[in-house]
Protein backbone atom coordinates (compact mmCIF):
# COMPACT_ATOMS: atom_id res chain seq x y z
CA MET A 1 135.36 108.93 104.24
CA LYS A 2 132.68 111.26 105.56
CA LYS A 3 129.75 109.73 107.47
CA LEU A 4 126.23 111.08 107.90
CA ASP A 5 123.37 110.22 110.24
CA VAL A 6 120.10 109.91 108.35
CA LYS A 7 116.50 108.94 108.93
CA VAL A 8 115.02 106.87 106.11
CA THR A 9 111.71 105.35 105.11
CA PHE A 10 111.56 102.64 102.47
CA LEU A 11 108.46 102.28 100.32
CA LYS A 12 106.13 99.34 100.85
CA PRO A 13 105.99 96.85 97.94
CA GLU A 14 102.46 97.98 97.05
CA ASP A 15 103.82 101.54 96.70
CA GLY A 16 106.62 100.49 94.34
CA GLY A 17 109.20 99.52 96.96
CA ARG A 18 111.37 96.44 97.16
CA GLU A 19 109.59 93.09 97.35
CA ARG A 20 112.07 91.89 99.98
CA THR A 21 113.74 94.16 102.49
CA PRO A 22 115.83 92.30 105.07
CA GLU A 23 115.28 93.80 108.55
CA ARG A 24 119.02 94.36 109.12
CA LEU A 25 119.88 95.34 105.52
CA LEU A 26 121.29 98.73 106.45
CA GLU A 27 123.98 97.36 108.75
CA SER A 28 125.21 94.75 106.24
CA LYS A 29 127.67 97.28 104.72
CA GLN A 30 126.65 95.82 101.37
CA TYR A 31 123.64 98.01 100.59
CA ARG A 32 124.85 100.81 98.32
CA PRO A 33 122.06 102.82 96.71
CA HIS A 34 122.20 106.43 95.57
CA PHE A 35 120.69 109.53 97.13
CA LEU A 36 119.12 112.30 95.05
CA VAL A 37 118.43 115.73 96.53
CA GLY A 38 115.69 117.80 94.92
CA ALA A 39 113.22 117.02 92.15
CA THR A 40 113.20 113.48 90.78
CA GLU A 41 111.00 114.01 87.72
CA LYS A 42 114.09 113.92 85.51
CA ILE A 43 116.48 111.50 87.19
CA ARG A 44 119.93 112.09 85.72
CA SER A 45 122.99 110.04 86.61
CA GLU A 46 125.17 113.10 87.29
CA HIS A 47 122.96 113.92 90.29
CA TYR A 48 123.42 110.48 91.88
CA MET A 49 125.30 110.51 95.19
CA GLY A 50 126.55 107.02 96.02
CA VAL A 51 126.36 105.98 99.65
CA CYS A 52 126.93 102.84 101.68
CA PHE A 53 124.76 102.15 104.70
CA ILE A 54 126.94 101.01 107.59
CA SER A 55 124.59 100.85 110.58
CA GLN A 56 120.99 101.17 111.65
CA GLN A 57 119.28 101.95 114.96
CA ASN A 58 116.22 99.71 114.60
CA ASP A 59 114.76 97.05 112.33
CA LEU A 60 113.96 98.16 108.79
CA VAL A 61 110.23 97.91 108.18
CA PRO A 62 108.91 99.38 104.90
CA GLY A 63 106.66 102.36 105.57
CA PHE A 64 108.31 103.18 108.93
CA GLU A 65 111.25 105.45 109.73
CA CYS A 66 114.65 104.00 110.58
CA GLU A 67 117.72 105.90 111.75
CA ALA A 68 120.94 104.86 110.04
CA LYS A 69 124.48 105.92 109.28
CA VAL A 70 125.89 106.19 105.74
CA VAL A 71 129.34 106.69 104.27
CA LEU A 72 129.75 109.03 101.27
CA MET A 73 131.46 106.69 98.83
CA TYR A 74 133.07 108.52 95.94
CA ASP A 75 135.76 111.13 95.44
CA GLY A 76 134.81 113.68 92.81
CA VAL A 77 131.08 113.52 93.59
CA ASP A 78 129.51 116.71 94.90
CA TYR A 79 127.82 115.80 98.18
CA SER A 80 127.43 119.44 99.28
CA LYS A 81 123.61 119.27 99.14
CA LEU A 82 123.55 116.59 101.85
CA VAL A 83 123.47 119.01 104.77
CA GLN A 84 121.53 118.75 108.02
CA GLY A 85 117.81 118.81 107.26
CA ALA A 86 118.21 118.05 103.54
CA ASN A 87 115.55 115.75 102.12
CA PHE A 88 116.61 113.05 99.68
CA THR A 89 115.20 110.21 97.59
CA ILE A 90 116.78 106.74 97.72
CA VAL A 91 117.18 105.13 94.31
CA GLU A 92 118.40 101.80 93.02
CA GLY A 93 119.25 102.53 89.41
CA ARG A 94 116.25 104.53 88.19
CA ARG A 95 113.86 102.95 90.70
CA ILE A 96 112.76 105.02 93.69
CA VAL A 97 112.74 102.79 96.77
CA GLY A 98 112.52 105.28 99.63
CA ASN A 99 113.24 108.71 101.01
CA GLY A 100 114.78 110.36 104.00
CA PHE A 101 116.58 113.32 105.46
CA VAL A 102 119.94 114.15 107.00
CA LEU A 103 119.93 114.42 110.80
């Protein structure tokens, strides 16, 4: 499976983010949101790119950047837009919980 280094920022609860965000969530290997590249006005499931966070460089604090590593999870999904410098939105279902970019 291909791995990417990313820098992410999760929204604060008052901005629509998660109510609880464990500090070491991204290294649990159990957090598996989707990334969306491009406009999010019309979120469509065929644009979802499933990832699994496998490590993080520092504690996850909503509103602050955190470097992490993700694994691209699925065969048959087009991940070609996730290139160095690409900006993405992090979604859980249809809920936007953060954003980031590929290092």
